[in-house]
PDB file of N, CA and C in Angstrom:
ATOM      1  N   MET A   1      28.447 109.462 139.954  1.00  0.00           N
ATOM      2  CA  MET A   1      27.842 108.087 140.915  1.00  0.00           C
ATOM      3  C   MET A   1      27.212 108.423 142.780  1.00  0.00           C
ATOM      4  N   PRO A   2      26.395 108.357 142.552  1.00  0.00           N
ATOM      5  CA  PRO A   2      25.554 108.342 143.337  1.00  0.00           C
ATOM      6  C   PRO A   2      26.456 108.102 144.510  1.00  0.00           C
ATOM      7  N   GLY A   3      26.964 108.943 146.253  1.00  0.00           N
ATOM      8  CA  GLY A   3      27.195 108.734 147.345  1.00  0.00           C
ATOM      9  C   GLY A   3      28.918 108.704 146.783  1.00  0.00           C
ATOM     10  N   SER A   4      28.814 109.363 146.149  1.00  0.00           N
ATOM     11  CA  SER A   4      31.014 109.421 146.229  1.00  0.00           C
ATOM     12  C   SER A   4      30.710 111.207 146.459  1.00  0.00           C
ATOM     13  N   THR A   5      32.016 111.650 146.271  1.00  0.00           N
ATOM     14  CA  THR A   5      32.489 112.248 146.793  1.00  0.00           C
ATOM     15  C   THR A   5      33.140 112.686 145.458  1.00  0.00           C
ATOM     16  N   ASN A   6      33.340 114.100 145.808  1.00  0.00           N
ATOM     17  CA  ASN A   6      34.763 114.570 144.326  1.00  0.00           C
ATOM     18  C   ASN A   6      35.635 114.940 144.751  1.00  0.00           C
ATOM     19  N   GLY A   7      36.878 115.477 144.133  1.00  0.00           N
ATOM     20  CA  GLY A   7      37.963 115.947 145.301  1.00  0.00           C
ATOM     21  C   GLY A   7      37.246 116.927 146.425  1.00  0.00           C
ATOM     22  N   SER A   8      36.968 117.902 145.532  1.00  0.00           N
ATOM     23  CA  SER A   8      37.110 119.992 146.123  1.00  0.00           C
ATOM     24  C   SER A   8      36.096 119.030 147.573  1.00  0.00           C
ATOM     25  N   THR A   9      34.756 118.548 147.950  1.00  0.00           N
ATOM     26  CA  THR A   9      33.796 117.985 148.800  1.00  0.00           C
ATOM     27  C   THR A   9      35.135 117.307 150.325  1.00  0.00           C
ATOM     28  N   LYS A  10      35.698 115.842 149.327  1.00  0.00           N
ATOM     29  CA  LYS A  10      37.101 115.929 149.854  1.00  0.00           C
ATOM     30  C   LYS A  10      38.652 116.602 150.656  1.00  0.00           C
ATOM     31  N   THR A  11      38.347 117.256 149.723  1.00  0.00           N
ATOM     32  CA  THR A  11      39.361 118.628 150.799  1.00  0.00           C
ATOM     33  C   THR A  11      38.707 119.465 151.703  1.00  0.00           C
ATOM     34  N   MET A  12      37.343 119.460 152.043  1.00  0.00           N
ATOM     35  CA  MET A  12      36.582 120.937 152.438  1.00  0.00           C
ATOM     36  C   MET A  12      37.156 119.634 154.169  1.00  0.00           C
ATOM     37  N   GLY A  13      36.018 118.233 153.538  1.00  0.00           N
ATOM     38  CA  GLY A  13      36.266 117.178 154.874  1.00  0.00           C
ATOM     39  C   GLY A  13      37.492 117.057 155.112  1.00  0.00           C
ATOM     40  N   ALA A  14      38.736 117.335 154.311  1.00  0.00           N
ATOM     41  CA  ALA A  14      40.072 117.156 155.760  1.00  0.00           C
ATOM     42  C   ALA A  14      40.439 118.112 155.950  1.00  0.00           C
ATOM     43  N   LEU A  15      39.795 119.339 155.668  1.00  0.00           N
ATOM     44  CA  LEU A  15      39.952 121.174 155.785  1.00  0.00           C
ATOM     45  C   LEU A  15      39.581 121.291 156.930  1.00  0.00           C
ATOM     46  N   THR A  16      38.490 120.725 156.871  1.00  0.00           N
ATOM     47  CA  THR A  16      37.438 120.656 158.559  1.00  0.00           C
ATOM     48  C   THR A  16      37.603 119.396 159.882  1.00  0.00           C
ATOM     49  N   ALA A  17      38.255 118.357 159.420  1.00  0.00           N
ATOM     50  CA  ALA A  17      39.242 117.588 160.294  1.00  0.00           C
ATOM     51  C   ALA A  17      40.729 118.725 161.193  1.00  0.00           C
ATOM     52  N   GLY A  18      40.914 119.034 160.379  1.00  0.00           N
ATOM     53  CA  GLY A  18      42.263 119.775 160.181  1.00  0.00           C
ATOM     54  C   GLY A  18      42.025 121.179 161.252  1.00  0.00           C
ATOM     55  N   THR A  19      41.491 121.911 160.789  1.00  0.00           N
ATOM     56  CA  THR A  19      40.339 122.731 161.969  1.00  0.00           C
ATOM     57  C   THR A  19      40.584 122.108 162.827  1.00  0.00           C
ATOM     58  N   LEU A  20      39.854 121.547 163.355  1.00  0.00           N
ATOM     59  CA  LEU A  20      39.221 120.484 164.996  1.00  0.00           C
ATOM     60  C   LEU A  20      40.133 120.071 165.326  1.00  0.00           C
ATOM     61  N   VAL A  21      41.417 119.730 164.777  1.00  0.00           N
ATOM     62  CA  VAL A  21      42.694 119.624 165.625  1.00  0.00           C
ATOM     63  C   VAL A  21      43.455 120.975 166.384  1.00  0.00           C
ATOM     64  N   LEU A  22      43.407 122.106 165.374  1.00  0.00           N
ATOM     65  CA  LEU A  22      43.915 123.004 165.099  1.00  0.00           C
ATOM     66  C   LEU A  22      43.144 124.054 166.885  1.00  0.00           C
ATOM     67  N   VAL A  23      41.895 123.407 166.449  1.00  0.00           N
ATOM     68  CA  VAL A  23      41.164 124.239 167.576  1.00  0.00           C
ATOM     69  C   VAL A  23      41.485 123.736 169.025  1.00  0.00           C
ATOM     70  N   THR A  24      41.415 122.629 168.696  1.00  0.00           N
ATOM     71  CA  THR A  24      41.732 121.517 169.723  1.00  0.00           C
ATOM     72  C   THR A  24      42.779 121.781 170.881  1.00  0.00           C
ATOM     73  N   ALA A  25      43.930 122.024 170.075  1.00  0.00           N
ATOM     74  CA  ALA A  25      45.149 122.601 170.453  1.00  0.00           C
ATOM     75  C   ALA A  25      44.908 123.517 171.053  1.00  0.00           C
ATOM     76  N   TYR A  26      43.945 124.979 170.397  1.00  0.00           N
ATOM     77  CA  TYR A  26      44.349 126.200 170.819  1.00  0.00           C
ATOM     78  C   TYR A  26      43.558 126.000 172.564  1.00  0.00           C
ATOM     79  N   THR A  27      42.456 125.122 172.314  1.00  0.00           N
ATOM     80  CA  THR A  27      41.742 125.281 173.212  1.00  0.00           C
ATOM     81  C   THR A  27      42.803 124.813 174.536  1.00  0.00           C
ATOM     82  N   VAL A  28      43.567 123.549 174.025  1.00  0.00           N
ATOM     83  CA  VAL A  28      43.925 122.806 175.197  1.00  0.00           C
ATOM     84  C   VAL A  28      45.549 124.079 176.018  1.00  0.00           C
ATOM     85  N   THR A  29      45.686 124.782 174.931  1.00  0.00           N
ATOM     86  CA  THR A  29      47.310 125.239 175.422  1.00  0.00           C
ATOM     87  C   THR A  29      46.996 127.102 175.942  1.00  0.00           C
ATOM     88  N   LEU A  30      45.712 127.629 175.314  1.00  0.00           N
ATOM     89  CA  LEU A  30      45.476 128.848 175.465  1.00  0.00           C
ATOM     90  C   LEU A  30      44.273 128.982 176.618  1.00  0.00           C
ATOM     91  N   GLY A  31      44.066 127.989 176.206  1.00  0.00           N
ATOM     92  CA  GLY A  31      42.067 128.231 176.568  1.00  0.00           C
ATOM     93  C   GLY A  31      40.560 128.315 175.005  1.00  0.00           C
ATOM     94  N   SER A  32      39.926 128.334 176.250  1.00  0.00           N
ATOM     95  CA  SER A  32      38.856 128.506 175.188  1.00  0.00           C
ATOM     96  C   SER A  32      37.917 129.874 174.382  1.00  0.00           C
ATOM     97  N   ASN A  33      37.989 129.373 172.836  1.00  0.00           N
ATOM     98  CA  ASN A  33      37.920 130.747 172.722  1.00  0.00           C
ATOM     99  C   ASN A  33      36.475 130.303 171.735  1.00  0.00           C
ATOM    100  N   GLY A  34      35.387 131.009 172.658  1.00  0.00           N
ATOM    101  CA  GLY A  34      34.102 131.000 171.751  1.00  0.00           C
ATOM    102  C   GLY A  34      34.247 131.013 170.503  1.00  0.00           C
ATOM    103  N   TRP A  35      34.582 132.138 169.788  1.00  0.00           N
ATOM    104  CA  TRP A  35      34.864 131.994 168.224  1.00  0.00           C
ATOM    105  C   TRP A  35      34.669 130.877 167.302  1.00  0.00           C
ATOM    106  N   LEU A  36      36.465 130.635 167.417  1.00  0.00           N
ATOM    107  CA  LEU A  36      37.073 129.454 167.531  1.00  0.00           C
ATOM    108  C   LEU A  36      35.745 128.289 166.880  1.00  0.00           C
ATOM    109  N   TRP A  37      35.600 127.794 167.783  1.00  0.00           N
ATOM    110  CA  TRP A  37      34.164 126.823 168.141  1.00  0.00           C
ATOM    111  C   TRP A  37      33.329 126.999 166.737  1.00  0.00           C
ATOM    112  N   PHE A  38      33.104 128.208 166.904  1.00  0.00           N
ATOM    113  CA  PHE A  38      31.865 128.813 166.567  1.00  0.00           C
ATOM    114  C   PHE A  38      31.770 128.998 164.685  1.00  0.00           C
ATOM    115  N   GLY A  39      33.506 129.263 164.221  1.00  0.00           N
ATOM    116  CA  GLY A  39      33.902 129.198 163.392  1.00  0.00           C
ATOM    117  C   GLY A  39      33.649 127.893 162.445  1.00  0.00           C
ATOM    118  N   TRP A  40      34.414 126.847 163.496  1.00  0.00           N
ATOM    119  CA  TRP A  40      34.565 125.429 163.347  1.00  0.00           C
ATOM    120  C   TRP A  40      33.452 124.813 163.463  1.00  0.00           C
ATOM    121  N   VAL A  41      31.842 125.250 164.007  1.00  0.00           N
ATOM    122  CA  VAL A  41      30.925 124.794 163.772  1.00  0.00           C
ATOM    123  C   VAL A  41      30.474 124.556 162.721  1.00  0.00           C
ATOM    124  N   VAL A  42      29.991 126.199 162.132  1.00  0.00           N
ATOM    125  CA  VAL A  42      30.169 126.695 160.438  1.00  0.00           C
ATOM    126  C   VAL A  42      30.381 125.751 159.622  1.00  0.00           C
ATOM    127  N   LEU A  43      31.883 125.946 159.763  1.00  0.00           N
ATOM    128  CA  LEU A  43      32.748 124.874 159.220  1.00  0.00           C
ATOM    129  C   LEU A  43      32.470 123.744 158.366  1.00  0.00           C
ATOM    130  N   GLY A  44      32.232 123.027 159.692  1.00  0.00           N
ATOM    131  CA  GLY A  44      31.062 121.842 159.595  1.00  0.00           C
ATOM    132  C   GLY A  44      30.083 121.645 159.140  1.00  0.00           C
ATOM    133  N   LEU A  45      29.372 122.537 159.569  1.00  0.00           N
ATOM    134  CA  LEU A  45      27.761 122.097 158.786  1.00  0.00           C
ATOM    135  C   LEU A  45      27.892 122.231 157.626  1.00  0.00           C
ATOM    136  N   LEU A  46      28.568 123.440 156.916  1.00  0.00           N
ATOM    137  CA  LEU A  46      28.933 123.834 155.589  1.00  0.00           C
ATOM    138  C   LEU A  46      29.644 122.345 154.676  1.00  0.00           C
ATOM    139  N   THR A  47      30.605 121.780 155.336  1.00  0.00           N
ATOM    140  CA  THR A  47      30.630 120.248 155.156  1.00  0.00           C
ATOM    141  C   THR A  47      30.031 119.683 154.856  1.00  0.00           C
ATOM    142  N   LEU A  48      28.649 119.027 155.559  1.00  0.00           N
ATOM    143  CA  LEU A  48      27.981 118.348 156.033  1.00  0.00           C
ATOM    144  C   LEU A  48      27.267 118.439 154.869  1.00  0.00           C
ATOM    145  N   ALA A  49      26.613 119.913 154.160  1.00  0.00           N
ATOM    146  CA  ALA A  49      25.834 120.631 153.879  1.00  0.00           C
ATOM    147  C   ALA A  49      26.430 120.283 152.070  1.00  0.00           C
ATOM    148  N   ALA A  50      27.199 120.700 152.075  1.00  0.00           N
ATOM    149  CA  ALA A  50      28.513 120.047 150.821  1.00  0.00           C
ATOM    150  C   ALA A  50      28.373 118.552 150.671  1.00  0.00           C
ATOM    151  N   ILE A  51      28.681 117.454 151.200  1.00  0.00           N
ATOM    152  CA  ILE A  51      27.910 115.837 151.604  1.00  0.00           C
ATOM    153  C   ILE A  51      26.718 115.462 151.039  1.00  0.00           C
ATOM    154  N   VAL A  52      25.861 116.024 151.540  1.00  0.00           N
ATOM    155  CA  VAL A  52      24.376 115.995 151.233  1.00  0.00           C
ATOM    156  C   VAL A  52      23.818 116.580 149.738  1.00  0.00           C
ATOM    157  N   VAL A  53      24.808 117.110 149.424  1.00  0.00           N
ATOM    158  CA  VAL A  53      24.126 118.473 147.844  1.00  0.00           C
ATOM    159  C   VAL A  53      24.819 117.069 146.925  1.00  0.00           C
ATOM    160  N   ARG A  54      26.098 116.949 147.814  1.00  0.00           N
ATOM    161  CA  ARG A  54      26.911 115.950 146.687  1.00  0.00           C
ATOM    162  C   ARG A  54      26.167 114.635 146.095  1.00  0.00           C
ATOM    163  N   SER A  55      24.967 113.951 147.391  1.00  0.00           N
ATOM    164  CA  SER A  55      24.673 112.419 147.031  1.00  0.00           C
ATOM    165  C   SER A  55      23.392 112.775 146.692  1.00  0.00           C
TER     166      SER A  55
END
């Protein structure tokens, strides 16, 4: 069905959102870590690519 996402894509989106919360909490608590933010950006781009491919 066009425009819908399957379970794995939804799970990946939830993982990306959860990781954003964790990275933000880490940054607020202990200070910024560039590698964490880089990893989150890569994860976000992979999630976005998965959503585009599934559409």
